[in-house]
Amino acid sequence: MTELGKLYGLGIGPGDPELLTLKAHRILTTVPIIAYPASENGKSLARAIAAEFIRSDQIEIPIHLPFNVNESSAPYYDQAAEQIGEHLKTGQDVAVLCEGEPMLYGSFMYIFQRLSGQFPTEVVPGISSTLASAAMLGVPLTYRHDVLSIIPATLDEIKLRDRLIVADAAVIIKLGRHFAKVRKILDELGLLERSLYIERATQTEQKIIDITEVEAKEVPYWSLILIPSN
């Protein structure tokens, strides 16, 4: 009977290739097969981060995900899991690249849910953009007994407001088209002055902009607002 391959979930950090952990680098450069999330046009931030470490003889499996937020990504993950599983069944190890931290809003979670019960699996933690952003902005997130809240901007206004009212410190992620809504709530709660905006943290295209000068229509998905503790 053929020994099963091992599934790896590699956290590869927020953008700077030098923030890859030694363990992630070792696995990335030795496995025969790598997979990574990609847009329908083939672009992949995960692959771009790891590009200089990918060998020409490695098999690559792009996990194409839909642009349309109203379209379910489940069938795409089903297809990718089936494809990855076929390689694992033949004894080949597969590393799935995941921006940031795989178990914190990471795309790898959906592959993990589908395959970890069938194959040996190891998750390698990565640096999350939520924490890297604090370093890039040069502000401590929390002190002593403060509670940090990580809040998706996709929440409706009522839930978003309720979460922010009780937060000692917060990171608001997945901004994109939700920026205007978030900015309005921050203004209403008197939090705008404390709020710091950054996009594409640690990447070569990183931008830190005064939140009052941010153009809502130009805010990318890879951006966040950090509200440090008082």
Protein backbone atom coordinates (compact mmCIF):
# COMPACT_ATOMS: atom_id res chain seq x y z
CA MET A 1 0.00 0.00 0.00
CA THR A 2 1.35 3.43 -0.98
CA GLU A 3 2.18 5.70 1.93
CA LEU A 4 0.11 8.87 1.88
CA GLY A 5 1.71 12.23 1.19
CA LYS A 6 1.64 15.00 3.77
CA LEU A 7 -0.43 18.16 3.43
CA TYR A 8 1.27 21.35 4.62
CA GLY A 9 -0.42 24.67 5.24
CA LEU A 10 2.33 27.27 5.02
CA GLY A 11 1.81 30.72 6.50
CA ILE A 12 4.07 32.87 4.32
CA GLY A 13 3.47 36.24 5.96
CA PRO A 14 1.91 39.50 4.77
CA GLY A 15 4.13 40.31 1.81
CA ASP A 16 7.83 40.73 2.57
CA PRO A 17 9.56 37.45 1.54
CA GLU A 18 12.09 37.92 4.33
CA LEU A 19 9.28 37.44 6.86
CA LEU A 20 8.95 33.80 5.81
CA THR A 21 9.86 31.54 8.73
CA LEU A 22 12.81 29.16 8.44
CA LYS A 23 10.43 26.22 8.71
CA ALA A 24 8.13 27.49 5.97
CA HIS A 25 11.15 28.12 3.75
CA ARG A 26 12.50 24.60 4.31
CA ILE A 27 9.20 22.96 3.42
CA LEU A 28 8.49 25.29 0.51
CA THR A 29 11.85 24.55 -1.10
CA THR A 30 11.72 20.77 -0.67
CA VAL A 31 8.14 19.64 -1.44
CA PRO A 32 7.42 18.44 -4.99
CA ILE A 33 4.07 20.23 -5.26
CA ILE A 34 2.82 23.64 -4.20
CA ALA A 35 -0.70 25.08 -4.34
CA TYR A 36 -1.85 28.64 -3.78
CA PRO A 37 -4.98 30.82 -4.09
CA ALA A 38 -5.21 32.84 -7.30
CA SER A 39 -7.70 35.19 -8.88
CA GLU A 40 -9.55 34.19 -12.03
CA ASN A 41 -6.99 36.08 -14.12
CA GLY A 42 -4.19 34.04 -12.59
CA LYS A 43 -2.69 36.63 -10.24
CA SER A 44 -1.62 35.31 -6.85
CA LEU A 45 -0.22 37.32 -3.95
CA ALA A 46 0.79 34.11 -2.18
CA ARG A 47 2.85 32.96 -5.14
CA ALA A 48 4.35 36.43 -5.59
CA ILE A 49 5.58 36.43 -2.00
CA ALA A 50 7.25 33.04 -2.40
CA ALA A 51 8.29 33.42 -6.05
CA GLU A 52 12.05 33.61 -5.49
CA PHE A 53 11.99 30.29 -3.59
CA ILE A 54 9.90 28.26 -6.05
CA ARG A 55 11.83 25.73 -8.13
CA SER A 56 11.18 25.21 -11.83
CA ASP A 57 10.65 21.47 -11.32
CA GLN A 58 7.90 21.90 -8.73
CA ILE A 59 4.33 21.17 -9.81
CA GLU A 60 2.08 24.19 -9.22
CA ILE A 61 -1.65 24.06 -8.49
CA PRO A 62 -3.36 27.48 -8.67
CA ILE A 63 -6.60 27.52 -6.67
CA HIS A 64 -8.68 29.86 -8.82
CA LEU A 65 -11.20 31.80 -6.73
CA PRO A 66 -14.06 34.00 -8.03
CA PHE A 67 -13.92 37.80 -8.19
CA ASN A 68 -17.64 38.10 -7.48
CA VAL A 69 -18.25 38.38 -3.72
CA ASN A 70 -21.75 37.02 -4.22
CA GLU A 71 -20.46 33.80 -5.80
CA SER A 72 -19.72 30.91 -3.47
CA SER A 73 -16.08 29.83 -3.41
CA ALA A 74 -17.00 26.36 -2.10
CA PRO A 75 -16.99 24.62 -5.53
CA TYR A 76 -13.53 26.06 -6.25
CA TYR A 77 -12.15 24.73 -2.97
CA ASP A 78 -13.87 21.38 -3.62
CA GLN A 79 -12.11 21.12 -6.97
CA ALA A 80 -8.74 22.15 -5.53
CA ALA A 81 -9.05 19.70 -2.64
CA GLU A 82 -9.80 16.89 -5.08
CA GLN A 83 -6.79 17.78 -7.20
CA ILE A 84 -4.47 18.08 -4.19
CA GLY A 85 -5.87 14.85 -2.75
CA GLU A 86 -4.95 12.92 -5.90
CA HIS A 87 -1.29 13.85 -5.40
CA LEU A 88 -1.40 13.05 -1.68
CA LYS A 89 -2.83 9.59 -2.43
CA THR A 90 0.26 8.78 -4.50
CA GLY A 91 2.57 9.66 -1.61
CA GLN A 92 3.57 13.13 -2.78
CA ASP A 93 3.70 15.95 -0.23
CA VAL A 94 1.81 19.15 -1.07
CA ALA A 95 2.38 22.60 0.47
CA VAL A 96 -0.50 25.07 0.25
CA LEU A 97 0.72 28.65 0.47
CA CYS A 98 -1.35 31.04 2.53
CA GLU A 99 -0.81 34.78 2.99
CA GLY A 100 -0.41 35.77 6.62
CA GLU A 101 -1.47 33.18 9.18
CA PRO A 102 -3.31 30.08 7.85
CA MET A 103 -5.65 29.75 10.84
CA LEU A 104 -6.55 33.46 11.07
CA TYR A 105 -8.95 34.25 8.22
CA GLY A 106 -6.61 32.21 6.04
CA SER A 107 -7.61 30.65 2.73
CA PHE A 108 -5.90 27.40 3.77
CA MET A 109 -8.63 26.75 6.34
CA TYR A 110 -10.99 25.65 3.57
CA ILE A 111 -8.50 23.11 2.23
CA PHE A 112 -7.77 22.01 5.80
CA GLN A 113 -11.46 21.36 6.44
CA ARG A 114 -11.71 19.18 3.35
CA LEU A 115 -8.50 17.14 3.61
CA SER A 116 -7.02 17.10 7.11
CA GLY A 117 -9.19 14.16 8.18
CA GLN A 118 -7.92 12.06 5.28
CA PHE A 119 -4.20 12.86 5.12
CA PRO A 120 -1.34 13.66 7.52
CA THR A 121 -1.42 17.44 7.92
CA GLU A 122 0.87 20.08 9.38
CA VAL A 123 0.16 23.80 9.67
CA VAL A 124 3.12 26.18 9.80
CA PRO A 125 2.19 29.50 11.46
CA GLY A 126 2.91 32.75 9.64
CA ILE A 127 3.08 36.43 10.50
CA SER A 128 -0.35 38.00 10.17
CA SER A 129 -0.79 41.38 8.50
CA THR A 130 -2.80 42.44 11.57
CA LEU A 131 0.37 42.27 13.66
CA ALA A 132 2.85 43.25 10.98
CA SER A 133 0.88 46.46 10.43
CA ALA A 134 1.50 47.58 14.00
CA ALA A 135 5.23 47.23 13.39
CA MET A 136 5.01 49.12 10.09
CA LEU A 137 2.97 51.91 11.68
CA GLY A 138 5.29 52.05 14.69
CA VAL A 139 2.61 51.77 17.36
CA PRO A 140 2.06 49.23 20.14
CA LEU A 141 -1.34 47.58 19.74
CA THR A 142 -2.10 46.73 23.35
CA TYR A 143 -0.89 47.21 26.91
CA ARG A 144 -1.26 45.01 29.99
CA HIS A 145 -4.88 43.82 30.27
CA ASP A 146 -6.20 45.36 27.06
CA VAL A 147 -8.32 43.19 24.79
CA LEU A 148 -7.58 43.25 21.06
CA SER A 149 -10.50 42.84 18.64
CA ILE A 150 -10.02 41.79 15.02
CA ILE A 151 -13.10 42.93 13.14
CA PRO A 152 -14.06 42.25 9.51
CA ALA A 153 -15.28 45.40 7.75
CA THR A 154 -17.86 43.19 6.05
CA LEU A 155 -20.06 43.28 9.19
CA ASP A 156 -23.22 45.37 8.96
CA GLU A 157 -23.19 48.83 10.56
CA ILE A 158 -24.96 47.81 13.77
CA LYS A 159 -22.62 44.88 14.51
CA LEU A 160 -19.55 46.87 13.54
CA ARG A 161 -20.54 49.76 15.81
CA ASP A 162 -21.32 47.44 18.73
CA ARG A 163 -17.92 45.74 18.45
CA LEU A 164 -16.00 49.00 18.25
CA ILE A 165 -17.79 50.59 21.21
CA VAL A 166 -16.37 47.96 23.60
CA ALA A 167 -12.94 47.49 21.98
CA ASP A 168 -9.80 48.50 23.90
CA ALA A 169 -7.86 48.16 20.66
CA ALA A 170 -8.97 46.96 17.25
CA VAL A 171 -7.83 45.97 13.79
CA ILE A 172 -10.43 46.32 11.07
CA ILE A 173 -9.66 44.06 8.12
CA LYS A 174 -11.09 43.37 4.65
CA LEU A 175 -11.74 47.05 4.02
CA GLY A 176 -12.03 47.38 0.25
CA ARG A 177 -15.47 48.65 -0.73
CA HIS A 178 -16.50 48.86 2.94
CA PHE A 179 -14.13 51.72 3.80
CA ALA A 180 -16.70 54.53 3.62
CA LYS A 181 -19.03 52.69 6.00
CA VAL A 182 -16.22 52.05 8.46
CA ARG A 183 -14.92 55.62 8.34
CA LYS A 184 -18.42 56.98 9.05
CA ILE A 185 -18.78 54.76 12.13
CA LEU A 186 -15.32 55.67 13.42
CA ASP A 187 -16.22 59.34 13.09
CA GLU A 188 -19.51 58.85 14.94
CA LEU A 189 -17.75 57.04 17.80
CA GLY A 190 -14.97 59.61 18.11
CA LEU A 191 -12.34 57.05 17.06
CA LEU A 192 -11.21 58.65 13.83
CA GLU A 193 -8.31 60.52 15.44
CA ARG A 194 -6.91 57.26 16.88
CA SER A 195 -7.38 55.31 13.65
CA LEU A 196 -4.41 54.51 11.42
CA TYR A 197 -4.70 53.32 7.82
CA ILE A 198 -2.24 51.07 5.98
CA GLU A 199 -2.48 49.06 2.77
CA ARG A 200 -0.35 46.16 1.55
CA ALA A 201 1.69 46.08 4.77
CA THR A 202 5.34 45.03 4.31
CA GLN A 203 4.95 44.73 0.53
CA THR A 204 6.94 46.94 -1.86
CA GLU A 205 3.66 48.76 -2.65
CA GLN A 206 2.93 49.49 1.02
CA LYS A 207 1.19 52.80 1.70
CA ILE A 208 0.49 54.56 4.98
CA ILE A 209 -2.04 57.35 4.49
CA ASP A 210 -3.76 59.70 6.90
CA ILE A 211 -7.21 58.18 7.25
CA THR A 212 -8.88 61.53 6.52
CA GLU A 213 -7.15 61.65 3.14
CA VAL A 214 -7.97 58.13 1.96
CA GLU A 215 -10.04 57.93 -1.24
CA ALA A 216 -12.76 55.36 -0.57
CA LYS A 217 -12.93 54.22 -4.19
CA GLU A 218 -9.22 53.40 -4.23
CA VAL A 219 -9.07 51.28 -1.07
CA PRO A 220 -7.87 47.73 -1.88
CA TYR A 221 -8.91 44.52 -0.16
CA TRP A 222 -5.38 44.23 1.24
CA SER A 223 -5.75 47.19 3.60
CA LEU A 224 -6.70 47.65 7.23
CA ILE A 225 -7.37 50.19 9.94
CA LEU A 226 -5.55 49.88 13.22
CA ILE A 227 -6.93 51.47 16.39
CA PRO A 228 -4.21 51.17 19.03
CA SER A 229 -4.96 51.06 22.73
CA ASN A 230 -4.93 54.25 24.74
